[in-house]
Amino acid sequence: LGVTAGASFGAAVSITLSFAVLGQVWIGTSLSALVMALSVSALIFYLGNRRSLTSTTLILVGVIMNFFFQALQQYLQYRASPEIAQVISGWTFGNLQRSSWISASVSAFTWTAAMLISLTYAWKLTAFADGAERANGLGINTNRLRMFAFTVSSILVSAAVAFIGTVAFVGLIAPHCTKMILGDDQRFLIISSSIMGSILMLAASVISKLLSEGATLPVGIVTSVIGVPFLFFLLMRSKE
């Protein structure tokens, strides 16, 4: 939906301006990524309510968002000094070597809070997965539920992207793999998707070390190489 691209652009702006909060650059980068991620989510949510957009149209809007924010980020790289441009360029690949105990602690806290809150909405999300009409028939405020899902997703995306950079396809592969195994019950799917995503990241990290001797290949490249054929698999499977 373009949330990751928006968060990436926000972090790139912070890197370019050396934006710091309380004297800490990583806090400024995280806040910039969060603000942009929430802004993109709010815009998508607004368009969805305004035009009653279908899922296909929302995905198309997301593609447009991705191209737009990538263009803005490339402009920043073009205008920045060679040193800053190199930092932004390297950061966009996604690299676990940038993680630290501080970033791990912040991400762990964000994840724990998001999971605990999301589990209270598990049955509503399960009903919503069967369609908005059925969810409305059960008395669920689907607009509020959409806003909740967008907000939590944006916070989780920004918490990850702000520290290690863009890592593609994890949010696509992990939930679909878990869904094929466990089904649509969100009581199990929410936690299991997180576990599957963690396993995928660890596996990608190991592969990145094995493929590049003497230097660690950015993990975002590995997940993209895995994610593209998996996306084709999903498309072919949906036609059966």
Protein backbone atom coordinates (compact mmCIF):
# COMPACT_ATOMS: atom_id res chain seq x y z
CA LEU A 1 0.00 0.00 0.00
CA GLY A 2 2.98 2.34 -0.10
CA VAL A 3 3.36 2.58 3.69
CA THR A 4 6.91 1.21 3.61
CA ALA A 5 7.92 3.61 0.82
CA GLY A 6 6.48 6.53 2.79
CA ALA A 7 8.32 5.48 5.94
CA SER A 8 11.52 5.08 3.95
CA PHE A 9 11.18 8.58 2.53
CA GLY A 10 10.58 10.02 6.00
CA ALA A 11 13.70 8.32 7.31
CA ALA A 12 15.69 9.55 4.27
CA VAL A 13 14.60 13.13 4.97
CA SER A 14 15.74 12.76 8.57
CA ILE A 15 19.13 11.38 7.45
CA THR A 16 19.57 14.23 4.96
CA LEU A 17 18.76 16.91 7.54
CA SER A 18 20.57 15.10 10.40
CA PHE A 19 17.36 15.51 12.38
CA ALA A 20 17.78 14.61 16.04
CA VAL A 21 15.46 14.47 19.03
CA LEU A 22 16.91 14.77 22.53
CA GLY A 23 20.31 14.70 20.87
CA GLN A 24 19.66 11.25 19.36
CA VAL A 25 19.59 10.87 15.56
CA TRP A 26 17.91 7.46 15.68
CA ILE A 27 14.92 8.96 17.53
CA GLY A 28 14.55 11.64 14.86
CA THR A 29 14.77 9.03 12.10
CA SER A 30 12.18 6.83 13.81
CA LEU A 31 9.76 9.72 14.33
CA SER A 32 10.14 10.87 10.72
CA ALA A 33 9.44 7.35 9.45
CA LEU A 34 6.43 7.06 11.78
CA VAL A 35 4.92 10.39 10.71
CA MET A 36 5.24 9.56 7.00
CA ALA A 37 3.90 6.03 7.46
CA LEU A 38 0.87 7.31 9.35
CA SER A 39 0.33 10.04 6.75
CA VAL A 40 0.31 7.54 3.88
CA SER A 41 -2.05 5.27 5.81
CA ALA A 42 -4.39 8.18 6.54
CA LEU A 43 -4.42 9.16 2.86
CA ILE A 44 -5.19 5.61 1.73
CA PHE A 45 -7.90 5.31 4.36
CA TYR A 46 -9.41 8.63 3.26
CA LEU A 47 -9.45 7.58 -0.39
CA GLY A 48 -11.01 4.25 0.54
CA ASN A 49 -13.88 5.93 2.38
CA ARG A 50 -14.29 8.69 -0.17
CA ARG A 51 -14.46 6.52 -3.28
CA SER A 52 -15.35 3.12 -1.83
CA LEU A 53 -12.24 1.74 -3.46
CA THR A 54 -11.95 -1.99 -4.06
CA SER A 55 -8.95 -4.01 -2.88
CA THR A 56 -7.56 -4.02 -6.41
CA THR A 57 -7.80 -0.24 -6.68
CA LEU A 58 -6.18 0.20 -3.27
CA ILE A 59 -3.27 -1.95 -4.42
CA LEU A 60 -2.98 0.22 -7.53
CA VAL A 61 -2.93 3.30 -5.31
CA GLY A 62 -0.19 1.64 -3.30
CA VAL A 63 1.89 1.08 -6.44
CA ILE A 64 1.49 4.77 -7.29
CA MET A 65 2.55 5.71 -3.75
CA ASN A 66 5.62 3.52 -4.03
CA PHE A 67 6.74 5.14 -7.28
CA PHE A 68 6.04 8.63 -5.92
CA PHE A 69 8.01 8.25 -2.70
CA GLN A 70 10.82 6.39 -4.44
CA ALA A 71 11.13 9.32 -6.85
CA LEU A 72 11.27 11.77 -3.92
CA GLN A 73 13.88 9.65 -2.21
CA GLN A 74 15.98 9.49 -5.38
CA TYR A 75 15.74 13.27 -5.62
CA LEU A 76 17.10 13.57 -2.09
CA GLN A 77 19.98 11.30 -3.02
CA TYR A 78 20.68 13.36 -6.12
CA ARG A 79 20.77 16.63 -4.18
CA ALA A 80 22.61 15.32 -1.13
CA SER A 81 26.35 15.20 -0.64
CA PRO A 82 28.13 12.01 -1.77
CA GLU A 83 28.49 10.87 1.83
CA ILE A 84 24.80 11.36 2.69
CA ALA A 85 23.70 9.88 -0.65
CA GLN A 86 25.74 6.77 0.07
CA VAL A 87 24.17 6.43 3.52
CA ILE A 88 20.65 6.72 2.07
CA SER A 89 21.46 4.32 -0.77
CA GLY A 90 22.91 1.72 1.57
CA TRP A 91 20.08 2.19 4.02
CA THR A 92 17.38 1.44 1.42
CA PHE A 93 18.61 -2.14 0.98
CA GLY A 94 17.81 -3.14 4.54
CA ASN A 95 20.67 -4.43 6.64
CA LEU A 96 20.49 -6.15 10.03
CA GLN A 97 24.02 -4.97 10.82
CA ARG A 98 22.54 -1.57 11.62
CA SER A 99 20.57 -3.02 14.52
CA SER A 100 21.63 -2.42 18.10
CA TRP A 101 20.36 -3.26 21.55
CA ILE A 102 18.53 0.07 21.60
CA SER A 103 16.78 -0.56 18.29
CA ALA A 104 16.01 -4.14 19.31
CA SER A 105 14.51 -2.93 22.60
CA VAL A 106 12.37 -0.27 20.91
CA SER A 107 11.18 -2.74 18.25
CA ALA A 108 10.45 -5.40 20.87
CA PHE A 109 8.40 -2.96 22.94
CA THR A 110 6.48 -1.79 19.85
CA TRP A 111 5.83 -5.36 18.74
CA THR A 112 4.66 -6.48 22.21
CA ALA A 113 2.24 -3.57 22.55
CA ALA A 114 0.90 -4.08 19.01
CA MET A 115 0.37 -7.81 19.53
CA LEU A 116 -1.42 -7.39 22.87
CA ILE A 117 -3.75 -4.76 21.42
CA SER A 118 -4.31 -6.69 18.17
CA LEU A 119 -5.30 -9.87 20.01
CA THR A 120 -8.22 -8.01 21.60
CA TYR A 121 -9.51 -7.41 18.05
CA ALA A 122 -8.88 -11.00 16.91
CA TRP A 123 -12.49 -12.09 16.46
CA LYS A 124 -13.41 -8.84 14.68
CA LEU A 125 -10.50 -9.24 12.28
CA THR A 126 -11.51 -12.85 11.64
CA ALA A 127 -15.06 -11.80 10.81
CA PHE A 128 -13.78 -8.95 8.64
CA ALA A 129 -11.65 -11.40 6.66
CA ASP A 130 -14.91 -12.96 5.40
CA GLY A 131 -16.07 -9.62 4.00
CA ALA A 132 -17.19 -6.18 5.15
CA GLU A 133 -20.88 -7.01 4.75
CA ARG A 134 -20.72 -9.97 7.11
CA ALA A 135 -18.70 -7.94 9.62
CA ASN A 136 -21.26 -5.12 9.49
CA GLY A 137 -24.01 -7.68 10.01
CA LEU A 138 -22.29 -8.77 13.22
CA GLY A 139 -22.30 -5.19 14.49
CA ILE A 140 -18.63 -4.45 13.79
CA ASN A 141 -17.65 -0.90 12.88
CA THR A 142 -15.58 -1.76 9.81
CA ASN A 143 -14.35 1.81 9.28
CA ARG A 144 -12.93 1.94 12.79
CA LEU A 145 -11.43 -1.54 12.34
CA ARG A 146 -9.75 -0.47 9.09
CA MET A 147 -8.31 2.58 10.83
CA PHE A 148 -7.01 0.37 13.63
CA ALA A 149 -5.36 -2.04 11.18
CA PHE A 150 -3.76 0.79 9.19
CA THR A 151 -2.47 2.49 12.35
CA VAL A 152 -0.95 -0.63 13.89
CA SER A 153 0.60 -1.66 10.58
CA SER A 154 2.10 1.79 10.10
CA ILE A 155 3.64 1.82 13.57
CA LEU A 156 5.13 -1.65 13.10
CA VAL A 157 6.49 -0.77 9.64
CA SER A 158 8.06 2.48 10.82
CA ALA A 159 9.59 0.79 13.89
CA ALA A 160 11.39 -1.67 11.60
CA VAL A 161 12.20 0.54 8.63
CA ALA A 162 13.59 3.39 10.71
CA PHE A 163 16.34 1.19 12.15
CA ILE A 164 17.46 -1.28 9.49
CA GLY A 165 16.04 0.11 6.25
CA THR A 166 13.57 -1.32 3.75
CA VAL A 167 13.09 -5.10 3.79
CA ALA A 168 10.65 -6.15 1.08
CA PHE A 169 8.15 -9.02 0.92
CA VAL A 170 8.33 -10.15 4.58
CA GLY A 171 4.85 -8.74 5.18
CA LEU A 172 3.61 -10.66 2.16
CA ILE A 173 5.30 -14.02 2.60
CA ALA A 174 4.92 -14.57 6.36
CA PRO A 175 1.13 -14.04 6.72
CA HIS A 176 0.30 -16.03 3.57
CA CYS A 177 2.50 -18.97 4.58
CA THR A 178 0.90 -18.98 8.03
CA LYS A 179 -2.57 -18.65 6.56
CA MET A 180 -2.05 -21.68 4.33
CA ILE A 181 -1.11 -23.69 7.42
CA LEU A 182 -3.49 -22.39 10.11
CA GLY A 183 -6.38 -20.78 8.23
CA ASP A 184 -8.05 -17.41 8.87
CA ASP A 185 -8.50 -17.48 12.66
CA GLN A 186 -6.72 -14.32 13.80
CA ARG A 187 -6.28 -15.66 17.33
CA PHE A 188 -3.55 -17.89 15.93
CA LEU A 189 -2.68 -16.03 12.73
CA ILE A 190 -1.50 -12.78 14.39
CA ILE A 191 1.18 -14.37 16.58
CA SER A 192 2.09 -17.09 14.08
CA SER A 193 2.64 -14.54 11.31
CA SER A 194 5.09 -12.69 13.55
CA ILE A 195 6.92 -15.92 14.34
CA MET A 196 7.03 -16.85 10.65
CA GLY A 197 8.34 -13.38 9.80
CA SER A 198 11.08 -13.75 12.42
CA ILE A 199 12.08 -17.15 11.03
CA LEU A 200 12.17 -15.68 7.52
CA MET A 201 14.40 -12.81 8.63
CA LEU A 202 16.79 -15.15 10.44
CA ALA A 203 16.95 -17.46 7.43
CA ALA A 204 17.57 -14.51 5.10
CA SER A 205 20.32 -13.27 7.42
CA VAL A 206 22.05 -16.67 7.38
CA ILE A 207 21.75 -16.87 3.58
CA SER A 208 23.14 -13.35 3.17
CA LYS A 209 26.23 -14.31 5.17
CA LEU A 210 26.75 -17.52 3.19
CA LEU A 211 26.40 -15.81 -0.20
CA SER A 212 28.89 -13.04 0.46
CA GLU A 213 32.31 -13.92 1.86
CA GLY A 214 34.00 -11.24 3.90
CA ALA A 215 30.96 -8.92 3.81
CA THR A 216 27.31 -9.34 4.71
CA LEU A 217 24.88 -9.07 1.81
CA PRO A 218 21.98 -6.73 2.72
CA VAL A 219 19.11 -8.89 3.93
CA GLY A 220 16.60 -6.85 1.90
CA ILE A 221 18.12 -8.23 -1.31
CA VAL A 222 17.66 -11.82 -0.11
CA THR A 223 14.02 -11.33 0.89
CA SER A 224 13.27 -9.74 -2.48
CA VAL A 225 14.83 -12.66 -4.35
CA ILE A 226 12.69 -15.05 -2.29
CA GLY A 227 9.58 -12.88 -2.41
CA VAL A 228 9.26 -12.43 -6.17
CA PRO A 229 8.84 -16.16 -7.01
CA PHE A 230 6.56 -16.54 -4.00
CA LEU A 231 4.34 -13.76 -5.34
CA PHE A 232 4.14 -15.58 -8.68
CA PHE A 233 3.23 -18.75 -6.79
CA LEU A 234 0.38 -16.95 -5.03
CA LEU A 235 -0.91 -15.53 -8.32
CA MET A 236 -0.86 -18.95 -9.99
CA ARG A 237 -2.45 -20.60 -6.96
CA SER A 238 -5.32 -18.07 -6.91
CA LYS A 239 -6.27 -19.01 -10.47
CA GLU A 240 -6.66 -22.70 -9.69
